Amino acid sequence: MSKQLTAFETAAWLKDRDNFLILTHKRPDGDTLGCAGALARGLRECGKYAYILENSGVTTRYLRFVEPYYAPDDYTADFIIAVDTATVSLFPDNAGIHMDSISLCIDHHKSNTFYAGNVCLDSDKASCGEIIYDILMTMSGKISSKTAECLYVALSTDTGCFSFGNTTANTLYIASLLVEAGAPNKVINKLLFRTKTQGRIGIEGLLLSGLDYSFDNKVVIAGITIAMMRISGATEDDMDDIAAIPGSIEGVCIGITIRELKSPNDCKISVRTKSPYDAQEICAHFGGGGHKLAAGCTIEKSIPEIKEMLTGVLEKQIKNNQ
């Protein structure tokens, strides 16, 4: 049975312990990586030993925020911490040996399964980075510019540079404090939100040319195949936040991206919704989770099969929210 902790209690828990290893989730995004980098550095600034378990899914744009804190091969941790990870199925393969010994999970997903011994969960936060900020400030009353940089990455990526519906006044307030602390917001915004490779432009073009509208254009589904990746020259580094594109179309209430991963029968589904439609409810039908406005799951079926599977669930969502 997990014990639920507040940010204040989590800070006290961390102060009383040392020798930490921090885990991130597979196909890592800016929130889990920014949180890991910030927590590792923040704990070190408090005189603790803290490292991050290397995640092979980290793309080049995020590597510099976590690589300095990767654990050496001979490091033995006393306490394992997971950040921004709702369930054990989301951990990368090399984290498997730690699954039964996770001491603390810091998360903002309502779908968290409380797999850790202690859980600091606040589903009202737009980003897990907001929780990490509260914890570190409680511990020391200040953060360095490098820690602030990592936290700004966490906040900005999980809110679409503060444009998504999950952005709150608290998110914007903490972001302003991070900039005051030295986070290079202009550099990060340019790197993460205003720079696209030719591969990214190419995959966006292919995605947009094959959109599938339904339910009076309230729903749009985009498919991304392995062949499309090859044709466009896109890499994993080009896939960041591509799931937001379908939902950005005027009049669309539910935007869905279905992407082939290792094979045509291994797909990641990303759902983005506008209120009152519930992305988490849609993905829960297939064993996934997330937030009301953004959620995901994986299904071992082809894109056409998944579209068929989604029909009934989407019909229910539309009918219940008319």
Protein backbone atom coordinates (compact mmCIF):
# COMPACT_ATOMS: atom_id res chain seq x y z
CA MET A 1 0.00 0.00 0.00
CA SER A 2 1.46 3.33 -1.08
CA LYS A 3 1.70 6.24 1.30
CA GLN A 4 0.59 9.54 -0.19
CA LEU A 5 2.84 12.52 0.52
CA THR A 6 2.44 16.23 -0.05
CA ALA A 7 5.27 18.19 -1.66
CA PHE A 8 6.25 19.42 1.81
CA GLU A 9 6.33 15.85 3.17
CA THR A 10 8.27 14.68 0.12
CA ALA A 11 10.89 17.35 0.74
CA ALA A 12 11.26 16.12 4.31
CA TRP A 13 11.48 12.51 3.08
CA LEU A 14 14.28 13.43 0.69
CA LYS A 15 16.15 15.46 3.30
CA ASP A 16 16.34 12.41 5.57
CA ARG A 17 17.80 10.13 2.86
CA ASP A 18 20.62 9.91 0.35
CA ASN A 19 21.95 7.92 -2.63
CA PHE A 20 19.12 8.29 -5.16
CA LEU A 21 18.54 6.86 -8.63
CA ILE A 22 15.92 8.61 -10.76
CA LEU A 23 13.85 6.79 -13.39
CA THR A 24 12.13 8.29 -16.43
CA HIS A 25 9.49 6.74 -18.68
CA LYS A 26 10.00 5.16 -22.10
CA ARG A 27 9.67 7.38 -25.18
CA PRO A 28 10.64 10.19 -22.77
CA ASP A 29 9.26 13.69 -23.23
CA GLY A 30 10.42 17.03 -21.93
CA ASP A 31 8.49 16.73 -18.66
CA THR A 32 9.95 13.45 -17.44
CA LEU A 33 13.47 14.43 -18.59
CA GLY A 34 13.29 17.99 -17.31
CA CYS A 35 12.04 16.71 -13.97
CA ALA A 36 14.79 14.10 -13.75
CA GLY A 37 17.51 16.60 -14.59
CA ALA A 38 16.15 19.18 -12.17
CA LEU A 39 15.70 16.69 -9.33
CA ALA A 40 19.16 15.20 -9.79
CA ARG A 41 20.85 18.59 -9.82
CA GLY A 42 18.65 20.01 -7.06
CA LEU A 43 19.40 17.07 -4.77
CA ARG A 44 23.12 17.44 -5.47
CA GLU A 45 22.89 21.10 -4.59
CA CYS A 46 21.46 19.97 -1.25
CA GLY A 47 24.53 17.78 -0.69
CA LYS A 48 22.97 14.50 -1.83
CA TYR A 49 24.17 11.80 -4.22
CA ALA A 50 21.67 11.59 -7.08
CA TYR A 51 21.87 10.07 -10.55
CA ILE A 52 19.55 9.35 -13.47
CA LEU A 53 19.20 5.89 -15.01
CA GLU A 54 20.18 6.24 -18.66
CA ASN A 55 17.21 6.06 -21.01
CA SER A 56 17.99 4.92 -24.56
CA GLY A 57 14.90 6.72 -25.85
CA VAL A 58 16.25 10.20 -25.13
CA THR A 59 16.53 12.22 -28.35
CA THR A 60 19.35 14.64 -29.10
CA ARG A 61 17.34 17.78 -28.33
CA TYR A 62 16.87 16.68 -24.70
CA LEU A 63 20.13 14.82 -24.07
CA ARG A 64 22.02 17.77 -22.60
CA PHE A 65 19.47 18.14 -19.82
CA VAL A 66 20.01 14.62 -18.44
CA GLU A 67 23.32 13.20 -19.68
CA PRO A 68 25.47 15.02 -17.06
CA TYR A 69 23.60 13.11 -14.35
CA TYR A 70 23.66 9.58 -15.80
CA ALA A 71 24.57 6.94 -13.22
CA PRO A 72 27.95 5.22 -13.63
CA ASP A 73 27.84 1.45 -14.09
CA ASP A 74 29.08 0.78 -10.57
CA TYR A 75 26.61 3.08 -8.80
CA THR A 76 24.41 1.45 -6.17
CA ALA A 77 21.39 3.45 -5.06
CA ASP A 78 19.65 3.18 -1.72
CA PHE A 79 16.42 4.80 -2.97
CA ILE A 80 14.73 4.66 -6.37
CA ILE A 81 12.61 7.62 -7.51
CA ALA A 82 10.28 7.70 -10.52
CA VAL A 83 9.20 10.99 -12.07
CA ASP A 84 6.20 11.68 -14.33
CA THR A 85 5.44 7.97 -14.72
CA ALA A 86 1.93 6.70 -13.98
CA THR A 87 2.47 2.94 -14.17
CA VAL A 88 5.32 0.40 -14.26
CA SER A 89 4.47 -0.59 -17.84
CA LEU A 90 5.83 2.78 -18.94
CA PHE A 91 9.39 2.18 -17.75
CA PRO A 92 12.15 1.31 -20.25
CA ASP A 93 13.54 -2.22 -20.23
CA ASN A 94 16.70 -1.40 -18.27
CA ALA A 95 14.55 -0.19 -15.35
CA GLY A 96 13.05 -3.65 -14.91
CA ILE A 97 15.39 -4.63 -12.06
CA HIS A 98 14.03 -1.72 -10.00
CA MET A 99 10.30 -2.38 -10.42
CA ASP A 100 9.84 -3.93 -6.98
CA SER A 101 11.91 -1.37 -5.11
CA ILE A 102 10.67 2.06 -6.17
CA SER A 103 10.61 4.13 -2.99
CA LEU A 104 9.02 7.30 -4.32
CA CYS A 105 6.97 8.37 -7.33
CA ILE A 106 6.45 12.05 -8.11
CA ASP A 107 3.69 12.46 -10.67
CA HIS A 108 0.78 14.54 -11.96
CA HIS A 109 -1.18 11.85 -13.82
CA LYS A 110 -4.61 11.06 -12.43
CA SER A 111 -4.18 7.53 -13.79
CA ASN A 112 -1.23 6.79 -11.46
CA THR A 113 -1.42 3.19 -10.18
CA PHE A 114 0.37 3.86 -6.86
CA TYR A 115 3.09 1.31 -7.52
CA ALA A 116 5.72 3.06 -5.38
CA GLY A 117 6.14 2.92 -1.62
CA ASN A 118 5.47 6.65 -1.43
CA VAL A 119 3.59 8.75 -3.95
CA CYS A 120 3.56 12.53 -4.31
CA LEU A 121 0.69 13.10 -6.73
CA ASP A 122 -0.99 16.33 -7.76
CA SER A 123 -3.18 15.87 -10.83
CA ASP A 124 -4.12 19.55 -10.83
CA LYS A 125 -0.61 20.46 -11.95
CA ALA A 126 -0.10 20.95 -15.69
CA SER A 127 3.41 19.56 -15.41
CA CYS A 128 5.22 17.29 -13.00
CA GLY A 129 7.87 19.99 -13.06
CA GLU A 130 5.62 22.22 -10.97
CA ILE A 131 5.68 19.61 -8.20
CA ILE A 132 9.46 19.21 -8.42
CA TYR A 133 9.80 22.99 -8.12
CA ASP A 134 7.74 23.02 -4.91
CA ILE A 135 9.78 20.16 -3.45
CA LEU A 136 13.17 21.69 -4.21
CA MET A 137 12.15 25.13 -2.97
CA THR A 138 10.89 23.56 0.25
CA MET A 139 14.21 21.77 0.68
CA SER A 140 16.56 24.69 0.15
CA GLY A 141 14.58 27.86 -0.56
CA LYS A 142 16.40 28.41 -3.87
CA ILE A 143 17.33 26.79 -7.16
CA SER A 144 20.26 27.32 -9.50
CA SER A 145 20.00 28.53 -13.09
CA LYS A 146 20.75 25.00 -14.36
CA THR A 147 17.97 23.51 -12.26
CA ALA A 148 15.63 26.27 -13.40
CA GLU A 149 16.53 25.48 -17.03
CA CYS A 150 15.50 21.83 -16.62
CA LEU A 151 12.27 22.79 -14.91
CA TYR A 152 11.44 25.30 -17.63
CA VAL A 153 11.83 22.48 -20.17
CA ALA A 154 9.41 20.37 -18.12
CA LEU A 155 6.77 23.09 -17.83
CA SER A 156 6.99 24.41 -21.37
CA THR A 157 6.89 21.04 -23.14
CA ASP A 158 3.92 19.67 -21.21
CA THR A 159 1.91 22.83 -21.94
CA GLY A 160 2.89 23.40 -25.58
CA CYS A 161 4.89 26.47 -24.61
CA PHE A 162 2.00 27.48 -22.32
CA SER A 163 -0.63 27.30 -25.08
CA PHE A 164 -2.47 24.10 -24.07
CA GLY A 165 -5.66 24.08 -22.04
CA ASN A 166 -3.90 22.53 -19.03
CA THR A 167 -1.89 25.73 -18.46
CA THR A 168 -2.87 27.44 -15.20
CA ALA A 169 -2.01 30.67 -13.43
CA ASN A 170 0.30 28.60 -11.20
CA THR A 171 2.12 27.24 -14.26
CA LEU A 172 2.74 30.74 -15.59
CA TYR A 173 3.77 32.02 -12.16
CA ILE A 174 6.34 29.26 -11.65
CA ALA A 175 7.62 29.75 -15.21
CA SER A 176 8.22 33.42 -14.43
CA LEU A 177 10.14 32.47 -11.28
CA LEU A 178 12.26 30.03 -13.29
CA VAL A 179 13.15 32.78 -15.77
CA GLU A 180 14.08 35.03 -12.85
CA ALA A 181 16.28 32.20 -11.54
CA GLY A 182 18.16 32.11 -14.83
CA ALA A 183 16.27 29.71 -17.11
CA PRO A 184 17.15 30.77 -20.71
CA ASN A 185 13.54 30.83 -21.90
CA LYS A 186 14.30 32.48 -25.25
CA VAL A 187 16.89 29.83 -26.12
CA ILE A 188 14.66 26.94 -25.00
CA ASN A 189 11.58 28.31 -26.81
CA LYS A 190 13.56 28.65 -30.04
CA LEU A 191 15.08 25.17 -29.70
CA LEU A 192 11.92 23.29 -28.77
CA PHE A 193 9.08 25.24 -30.39
CA ARG A 194 10.36 27.37 -33.27
CA THR A 195 12.91 25.11 -34.97
CA LYS A 196 11.97 22.30 -37.37
CA THR A 197 14.18 19.99 -39.40
CA GLN A 198 13.45 19.12 -43.02
CA GLY A 199 12.43 15.68 -41.79
CA ARG A 200 9.86 17.21 -39.46
CA ILE A 201 8.42 19.37 -42.22
CA GLY A 202 8.26 16.31 -44.45
CA ILE A 203 6.44 14.09 -41.96
CA GLU A 204 3.98 16.89 -41.17
CA GLY A 205 3.18 17.19 -44.87
CA LEU A 206 2.52 13.47 -45.20
CA LEU A 207 0.44 13.45 -42.01
CA LEU A 208 -1.72 16.37 -43.15
CA SER A 209 -2.32 14.85 -46.57
CA GLY A 210 -3.87 11.73 -45.06
CA LEU A 211 -6.18 13.03 -42.35
CA ASP A 212 -9.36 11.05 -41.70
CA TYR A 213 -12.34 13.16 -40.57
CA SER A 214 -15.47 11.71 -38.93
CA PHE A 215 -18.45 12.60 -36.72
CA ASP A 216 -19.23 15.81 -38.62
CA ASN A 217 -15.54 16.74 -38.57
CA LYS A 218 -15.43 16.78 -34.77
CA VAL A 219 -12.92 13.92 -34.84
CA VAL A 220 -9.79 13.69 -36.97
CA ILE A 221 -7.37 10.77 -37.02
CA ALA A 222 -3.84 10.95 -38.41
CA GLY A 223 -1.74 7.91 -39.19
CA ILE A 224 2.05 7.84 -39.23
CA THR A 225 3.60 4.74 -40.76
CA ILE A 226 7.17 3.48 -40.77
CA ALA A 227 7.17 4.05 -44.53
CA MET A 228 6.21 7.70 -44.02
CA MET A 229 9.13 8.13 -41.63
CA ARG A 230 11.49 6.66 -44.21
CA ILE A 231 10.15 8.73 -47.11
CA SER A 232 10.31 12.01 -45.18
CA GLY A 233 13.67 11.30 -43.57
CA ALA A 234 12.16 12.01 -40.16
CA THR A 235 13.82 10.59 -37.04
CA GLU A 236 12.59 10.02 -33.51
CA ASP A 237 13.88 13.48 -32.68
CA ASP A 238 11.33 14.92 -35.12
CA MET A 239 8.33 13.34 -33.42
CA ASP A 240 8.18 15.63 -30.41
CA ASP A 241 4.58 16.81 -29.85
CA ILE A 242 3.48 15.78 -33.34
CA ALA A 243 0.29 14.45 -31.69
CA ALA A 244 -0.89 18.03 -31.17
CA ILE A 245 -1.31 18.70 -34.90
CA PRO A 246 -4.71 17.02 -35.57
CA GLY A 247 -6.33 18.71 -32.58
CA SER A 248 -5.17 22.14 -33.73
CA ILE A 249 -7.55 22.11 -36.70
CA GLU A 250 -10.53 24.46 -36.37
CA GLY A 251 -13.71 22.67 -35.31
CA VAL A 252 -11.94 19.47 -34.25
CA CYS A 253 -12.78 18.38 -30.70
CA ILE A 254 -10.88 15.09 -30.63
CA GLY A 255 -7.54 14.74 -32.43
CA ILE A 256 -5.94 11.30 -32.59
CA THR A 257 -2.54 10.27 -33.90
CA ILE A 258 -1.82 6.59 -34.53
CA ARG A 259 1.86 5.90 -35.10
CA GLU A 260 3.55 2.66 -36.10
CA LEU A 261 6.52 1.92 -33.86
CA LYS A 262 8.59 -1.24 -34.47
CA SER A 263 6.13 -2.80 -36.92
CA PRO A 264 2.76 -2.08 -38.61
CA ASN A 265 1.09 -4.06 -35.80
CA ASP A 266 2.72 -2.14 -32.96
CA CYS A 267 1.14 1.30 -32.64
CA LYS A 268 1.16 4.21 -30.23
CA ILE A 269 -2.11 6.12 -29.94
CA SER A 270 -2.05 9.74 -28.78
CA VAL A 271 -5.34 11.51 -28.06
CA ARG A 272 -5.81 15.26 -27.63
CA THR A 273 -9.22 16.68 -26.76
CA LYS A 274 -11.02 19.92 -26.05
CA SER A 275 -13.32 20.13 -23.03
CA PRO A 276 -15.72 18.47 -22.28
CA TYR A 277 -14.30 15.51 -24.24
CA ASP A 278 -12.09 13.18 -22.19
CA ALA A 279 -8.86 11.82 -23.71
CA GLN A 280 -8.08 9.74 -20.64
CA GLU A 281 -11.47 8.04 -20.80
CA ILE A 282 -10.91 7.14 -24.45
CA CYS A 283 -7.47 5.64 -23.81
CA ALA A 284 -8.59 3.81 -20.67
CA HIS A 285 -10.64 1.50 -22.90
CA PHE A 286 -7.34 0.21 -24.28
CA GLY A 287 -5.31 0.08 -21.08
CA GLY A 288 -3.82 3.55 -21.40
CA GLY A 289 -4.07 6.74 -19.38
CA GLY A 290 -2.97 10.32 -18.98
CA HIS A 291 -5.01 13.48 -18.52
CA LYS A 292 -8.48 14.63 -19.53
CA LEU A 293 -7.13 16.68 -22.44
CA ALA A 294 -4.13 14.51 -23.37
CA ALA A 295 -3.69 10.76 -23.04
CA GLY A 296 -2.20 7.77 -24.80
CA CYS A 297 -1.94 4.01 -25.09
CA THR A 298 -0.31 1.31 -27.20
CA ILE A 299 -2.18 -1.33 -29.19
CA GLU A 300 -0.74 -4.28 -31.08
CA LYS A 301 -2.95 -3.82 -34.10
CA SER A 302 -2.62 -2.12 -37.49
CA ILE A 303 -3.74 1.47 -38.11
CA PRO A 304 -6.93 0.44 -39.99
CA GLU A 305 -7.82 -2.04 -37.23
CA ILE A 306 -7.29 0.58 -34.54
CA LYS A 307 -9.50 3.07 -36.37
CA GLU A 308 -12.24 0.45 -36.36
CA MET A 309 -11.72 -0.25 -32.65
CA LEU A 310 -11.98 3.45 -31.85
CA THR A 311 -15.31 3.95 -33.60
CA GLY A 312 -17.57 2.80 -30.77
CA VAL A 313 -15.59 4.60 -28.07
CA LEU A 314 -15.60 7.85 -30.04
CA GLU A 315 -19.31 7.53 -30.78
CA LYS A 316 -19.98 7.26 -27.06
CA GLN A 317 -17.81 10.31 -26.34
CA ILE A 318 -19.61 12.42 -28.92
CA LYS A 319 -23.07 11.29 -27.79
CA ASN A 320 -22.36 11.85 -24.08
CA ASN A 321 -21.05 15.35 -24.64
CA GLN A 322 -23.57 16.79 -27.10
